[in-house]
Amino acid sequence: MAGLIQRTAQSIDDMWHSIWHESSRTEKIIIAIALLVTGLAIPVIPIVWIARFIAK
C-alpha cells in the first residue's frame, strides 16, 4: 500500500513539473486563472503540495 501511495505521489509531482515548469509565463497565467475560475485551485494546490512532500 505504501508503494502505491509513493508511486501516485511521484506521478502527481511529475505531472505538476511537466505542466508548470515547462510552460511559458502566459500559459502559467492561463492555467492559474482557469483553476481559480473553476474553483479547482482550492483542492488542487494542497493535493500537489502533499504529493510533492510524499514523493520526496
N, C-alpha and C. Protein backbone atom coordinates (compact mmCIF):
# COMPACT_ATOMS: atom_id res chain seq x y z
N MET A 1 0.82 -1.20 0.00
CA MET A 1 0.00 0.00 0.00
C MET A 1 0.86 1.26 0.00
N ALA A 2 1.94 1.22 0.79
CA ALA A 2 2.82 2.38 0.85
C ALA A 2 3.47 2.64 -0.50
N GLY A 3 3.79 1.57 -1.22
CA GLY A 3 4.38 1.72 -2.56
C GLY A 3 3.41 2.38 -3.53
N LEU A 4 2.15 2.03 -3.42
CA LEU A 4 1.13 2.63 -4.28
C LEU A 4 1.00 4.12 -3.99
N ILE A 5 0.99 4.49 -2.73
CA ILE A 5 0.89 5.90 -2.35
C ILE A 5 2.12 6.65 -2.86
N GLN A 6 3.30 6.05 -2.71
CA GLN A 6 4.54 6.69 -3.17
C GLN A 6 4.52 6.88 -4.68
N ARG A 7 4.11 5.87 -5.43
CA ARG A 7 4.06 5.97 -6.90
C ARG A 7 3.04 7.00 -7.35
N THR A 8 1.88 7.04 -6.68
CA THR A 8 0.85 8.02 -7.01
C THR A 8 1.36 9.43 -6.74
N ALA A 9 2.00 9.61 -5.60
CA ALA A 9 2.55 10.93 -5.27
C ALA A 9 3.62 11.34 -6.27
N GLN A 10 4.47 10.40 -6.66
CA GLN A 10 5.51 10.70 -7.64
C GLN A 10 4.90 11.07 -8.99
N SER A 11 3.85 10.38 -9.38
CA SER A 11 3.17 10.69 -10.64
C SER A 11 2.55 12.08 -10.62
N ILE A 12 1.92 12.44 -9.51
CA ILE A 12 1.35 13.78 -9.39
C ILE A 12 2.45 14.83 -9.45
N ASP A 13 3.57 14.57 -8.76
CA ASP A 13 4.69 15.50 -8.77
C ASP A 13 5.26 15.64 -10.18
N ASP A 14 5.43 14.53 -10.89
CA ASP A 14 5.92 14.58 -12.27
C ASP A 14 4.98 15.35 -13.18
N MET A 15 3.67 15.13 -13.00
CA MET A 15 2.69 15.83 -13.82
C MET A 15 2.75 17.33 -13.54
N TRP A 16 2.86 17.69 -12.28
CA TRP A 16 2.94 19.10 -11.91
C TRP A 16 4.17 19.76 -12.56
N HIS A 17 5.30 19.05 -12.50
CA HIS A 17 6.51 19.60 -13.12
C HIS A 17 6.35 19.75 -14.63
N SER A 18 5.75 18.77 -15.28
CA SER A 18 5.61 18.84 -16.73
C SER A 18 4.64 19.94 -17.15
N ILE A 19 3.63 20.18 -16.34
CA ILE A 19 2.65 21.23 -16.68
C ILE A 19 3.18 22.60 -16.29
N TRP A 20 3.68 22.72 -15.08
CA TRP A 20 4.00 24.05 -14.55
C TRP A 20 5.39 24.53 -14.98
N HIS A 21 6.40 23.68 -14.87
CA HIS A 21 7.77 24.12 -15.11
C HIS A 21 8.13 24.21 -16.58
N GLU A 22 7.39 23.55 -17.43
CA GLU A 22 7.69 23.59 -18.86
C GLU A 22 6.76 24.54 -19.61
N SER A 23 5.99 25.34 -18.89
CA SER A 23 5.05 26.26 -19.50
C SER A 23 5.63 27.67 -19.53
N SER A 24 5.18 28.43 -20.51
CA SER A 24 5.60 29.83 -20.57
C SER A 24 4.84 30.63 -19.52
N ARG A 25 5.24 31.86 -19.35
CA ARG A 25 4.57 32.70 -18.35
C ARG A 25 3.09 32.89 -18.69
N THR A 26 2.77 33.07 -19.97
CA THR A 26 1.39 33.24 -20.40
C THR A 26 0.58 31.98 -20.10
N GLU A 27 1.14 30.82 -20.39
CA GLU A 27 0.44 29.57 -20.12
C GLU A 27 0.20 29.38 -18.63
N LYS A 28 1.17 29.77 -17.80
CA LYS A 28 1.00 29.67 -16.35
C LYS A 28 -0.14 30.55 -15.87
N ILE A 29 -0.22 31.76 -16.42
CA ILE A 29 -1.30 32.69 -16.04
C ILE A 29 -2.65 32.11 -16.44
N ILE A 30 -2.73 31.55 -17.64
CA ILE A 30 -3.99 30.96 -18.11
C ILE A 30 -4.39 29.78 -17.22
N ILE A 31 -3.42 28.93 -16.87
CA ILE A 31 -3.70 27.79 -16.00
C ILE A 31 -4.19 28.27 -14.64
N ALA A 32 -3.50 29.25 -14.07
CA ALA A 32 -3.88 29.77 -12.75
C ALA A 32 -5.28 30.38 -12.78
N ILE A 33 -5.59 31.14 -13.80
CA ILE A 33 -6.92 31.75 -13.92
C ILE A 33 -7.99 30.67 -14.08
N ALA A 34 -7.71 29.66 -14.91
CA ALA A 34 -8.67 28.58 -15.10
C ALA A 34 -8.94 27.84 -13.80
N LEU A 35 -7.89 27.59 -13.02
CA LEU A 35 -8.07 26.91 -11.73
C LEU A 35 -8.90 27.76 -10.78
N LEU A 36 -8.61 29.05 -10.75
CA LEU A 36 -9.36 29.94 -9.85
C LEU A 36 -10.82 30.08 -10.26
N VAL A 37 -11.06 30.23 -11.56
CA VAL A 37 -12.43 30.43 -12.06
C VAL A 37 -13.27 29.18 -11.82
N THR A 38 -12.69 28.01 -12.04
CA THR A 38 -13.46 26.77 -11.87
C THR A 38 -13.53 26.32 -10.42
N GLY A 39 -12.76 26.97 -9.56
CA GLY A 39 -12.76 26.58 -8.15
C GLY A 39 -11.87 25.39 -7.86
N LEU A 40 -11.11 24.96 -8.83
CA LEU A 40 -10.25 23.80 -8.63
C LEU A 40 -8.96 24.13 -7.88
N ALA A 41 -8.63 25.41 -7.76
CA ALA A 41 -7.41 25.78 -7.06
C ALA A 41 -7.47 25.36 -5.60
N ILE A 42 -8.66 25.36 -5.03
CA ILE A 42 -8.80 25.01 -3.61
C ILE A 42 -8.38 23.56 -3.36
N PRO A 43 -8.89 22.57 -4.13
CA PRO A 43 -8.44 21.20 -3.85
C PRO A 43 -7.13 20.82 -4.54
N VAL A 44 -6.79 21.45 -5.65
CA VAL A 44 -5.62 21.02 -6.42
C VAL A 44 -4.32 21.42 -5.74
N ILE A 45 -4.21 22.64 -5.28
CA ILE A 45 -2.96 23.12 -4.69
C ILE A 45 -2.54 22.29 -3.48
N PRO A 46 -3.41 22.05 -2.49
CA PRO A 46 -2.98 21.22 -1.36
C PRO A 46 -2.64 19.78 -1.77
N ILE A 47 -3.36 19.24 -2.71
CA ILE A 47 -3.07 17.88 -3.17
C ILE A 47 -1.67 17.81 -3.77
N VAL A 48 -1.32 18.81 -4.56
CA VAL A 48 0.02 18.84 -5.17
C VAL A 48 1.08 19.00 -4.09
N TRP A 49 0.86 19.88 -3.12
CA TRP A 49 1.84 20.06 -2.04
C TRP A 49 2.04 18.78 -1.24
N ILE A 50 0.96 18.11 -0.92
CA ILE A 50 1.06 16.85 -0.17
C ILE A 50 1.77 15.80 -1.01
N ALA A 51 1.43 15.72 -2.28
CA ALA A 51 2.07 14.73 -3.15
C ALA A 51 3.56 15.00 -3.28
N ARG A 52 3.95 16.26 -3.40
CA ARG A 52 5.37 16.60 -3.50
C ARG A 52 6.09 16.22 -2.22
N PHE A 53 5.44 16.43 -1.07
CA PHE A 53 6.05 16.06 0.20
C PHE A 53 6.25 14.54 0.30
N ILE A 54 5.23 13.78 -0.10
CA ILE A 54 5.32 12.32 -0.05
C ILE A 54 6.33 11.80 -1.07
N ALA A 55 6.38 12.42 -2.25
CA ALA A 55 7.27 11.95 -3.30
C ALA A 55 8.74 12.11 -2.93
N LYS A 56 9.03 13.06 -2.08
CA LYS A 56 10.43 13.28 -1.68
C LYS A 56 10.69 12.53 -0.44
